[in-house]
Amino acid sequence: MVDESVLRGVREYLRALQAEGLAVRFGVLFGSHATGQPGPWSDIDLLVVSPQFDHLKDRRLVGRLWRIAARIDSRIEPIPCGQKRWEEDDSSALIEIARRQGVRVSASG
C-alpha cells in the first residue's frame, strides 16, 4: 500500500508539470514506495508518461522534470516515457516492471 503523503506529493508534482505546459497523461509510481517497502532513504521512482517524450529531441525537457521535482519533493526521481512507448514497448525491463508492479497516478487523483 502506498503512503497517502507520497501519493499527494506525486499528484502535486504531476499538476506542476501540467501547469508548466507538459502534456502529462499520468505517472506510474514503482519501486519500494509502490510495493509498500520503502526505507528511510528511499527515493520515489516515477515514470512520467507523456506523448511529448515519444520523439524527445530536446534534453532540456528532461531537465525541467528534475527541476520541478526538486521544487515539489526532492525524493522524486522522474523518468520520461512516451505514451506510445508505454503502450507498445516490449523490450524495456524498466517499463515492464512499472507495468507489473507500478501504481498509476493521475494529477487529479
Protein backbone atom coordinates (compact mmCIF):
# COMPACT_ATOMS: atom_id res chain seq x y z
CA MET A 1 0.00 0.00 0.00
CA VAL A 2 1.33 3.41 -0.98
CA ASP A 3 1.60 6.04 1.72
CA GLU A 4 -1.00 8.76 1.13
CA SER A 5 1.56 11.54 1.63
CA VAL A 6 3.65 10.10 -1.23
CA LEU A 7 0.57 9.96 -3.48
CA ARG A 8 -0.27 13.57 -2.61
CA GLY A 9 3.26 14.66 -3.47
CA VAL A 10 3.22 12.77 -6.78
CA ARG A 11 -0.15 14.30 -7.71
CA GLU A 12 1.13 17.77 -6.84
CA TYR A 13 4.21 17.11 -8.99
CA LEU A 14 2.12 15.95 -11.96
CA ARG A 15 -0.11 19.05 -11.66
CA ALA A 16 3.01 21.26 -11.56
CA LEU A 17 4.29 19.62 -14.75
CA GLN A 18 0.96 20.27 -16.46
CA ALA A 19 0.99 23.88 -15.25
CA GLU A 20 4.41 24.23 -16.90
CA GLY A 21 2.92 23.15 -20.23
CA LEU A 22 3.88 19.47 -20.26
CA ALA A 23 1.22 17.16 -21.70
CA VAL A 24 1.42 14.61 -18.90
CA ARG A 25 -1.12 11.79 -19.22
CA PHE A 26 -0.28 10.06 -15.93
CA GLY A 27 2.55 8.90 -13.71
CA VAL A 28 3.46 5.37 -12.68
CA LEU A 29 4.92 5.02 -9.21
CA PHE A 30 7.14 1.95 -8.98
CA GLY A 31 9.88 0.58 -6.77
CA SER A 32 9.86 0.46 -2.99
CA HIS A 33 7.11 3.04 -2.48
CA ALA A 34 4.78 1.16 -4.84
CA THR A 35 5.43 -2.15 -3.10
CA GLY A 36 4.95 -0.62 0.33
CA GLN A 37 8.51 -1.34 1.45
CA PRO A 38 10.37 1.98 1.38
CA GLY A 39 13.37 2.51 3.57
CA PRO A 40 14.20 5.79 5.31
CA TRP A 41 16.35 6.90 2.35
CA SER A 42 14.17 5.57 -0.47
CA ASP A 43 13.62 7.75 -3.48
CA ILE A 44 10.27 7.98 -5.26
CA ASP A 45 10.63 6.26 -8.63
CA LEU A 46 8.15 7.78 -11.07
CA LEU A 47 7.62 7.10 -14.75
CA VAL A 48 6.15 10.26 -16.30
CA VAL A 49 4.05 9.30 -19.32
CA SER A 50 3.56 11.96 -21.99
CA PRO A 51 3.29 11.94 -25.79
CA GLN A 52 5.93 14.71 -25.74
CA PHE A 53 8.51 12.07 -24.80
CA ASP A 54 7.78 9.82 -27.79
CA HIS A 55 10.04 11.92 -30.01
CA LEU A 56 12.22 13.64 -27.46
CA LYS A 57 14.68 15.86 -29.29
CA ASP A 58 15.39 18.48 -26.66
CA ARG A 59 17.01 17.10 -23.49
CA ARG A 60 16.14 20.35 -21.67
CA LEU A 61 12.66 18.90 -21.22
CA VAL A 62 14.15 16.16 -19.03
CA GLY A 63 15.98 18.83 -17.04
CA ARG A 64 12.64 20.54 -16.40
CA LEU A 65 11.29 17.28 -14.96
CA TRP A 66 14.12 17.23 -12.44
CA ARG A 67 13.95 20.94 -11.56
CA ILE A 68 10.23 20.76 -10.88
CA ALA A 69 10.71 17.56 -8.85
CA ALA A 70 13.31 19.31 -6.69
CA ARG A 71 10.82 22.09 -6.03
CA ILE A 72 7.98 19.71 -5.04
CA ASP A 73 9.76 16.78 -3.36
CA SER A 74 13.47 16.12 -3.85
CA ARG A 75 12.91 12.38 -3.41
CA ILE A 76 11.03 12.18 -6.73
CA GLU A 77 13.18 10.63 -9.47
CA PRO A 78 11.29 11.23 -12.72
CA ILE A 79 11.83 9.02 -15.74
CA PRO A 80 10.32 10.27 -19.01
CA CYS A 81 8.30 7.76 -21.02
CA GLY A 82 6.47 8.40 -24.26
CA GLN A 83 2.80 7.45 -24.32
CA LYS A 84 3.29 5.29 -27.41
CA ARG A 85 6.29 3.64 -25.78
CA TRP A 86 4.24 2.92 -22.64
CA GLU A 87 1.53 1.29 -24.75
CA GLU A 88 3.72 -0.65 -27.19
CA ASP A 89 7.26 -1.19 -25.88
CA ASP A 90 8.01 -4.80 -25.06
CA SER A 91 11.79 -4.54 -24.72
CA SER A 92 12.29 -2.24 -21.73
CA ALA A 93 12.71 -4.03 -18.42
CA LEU A 94 12.01 -0.79 -16.56
CA ILE A 95 8.69 -0.24 -18.32
CA GLU A 96 7.73 -3.86 -17.76
CA ILE A 97 8.44 -3.56 -14.02
CA ALA A 98 6.36 -0.38 -13.88
CA ARG A 99 3.50 -2.11 -15.72
CA ARG A 100 3.52 -5.14 -13.42
CA GLN A 101 4.26 -3.59 -10.04
CA GLY A 102 3.51 0.08 -10.55
CA VAL A 103 0.71 2.23 -9.27
CA ARG A 104 -0.86 4.52 -11.86
CA VAL A 105 -1.35 8.06 -10.57
CA SER A 106 -3.22 10.89 -12.26
CA ALA A 107 -2.81 14.56 -11.49
CA SER A 108 -6.45 14.81 -10.48
CA GLY A 109 -6.37 11.94 -8.04
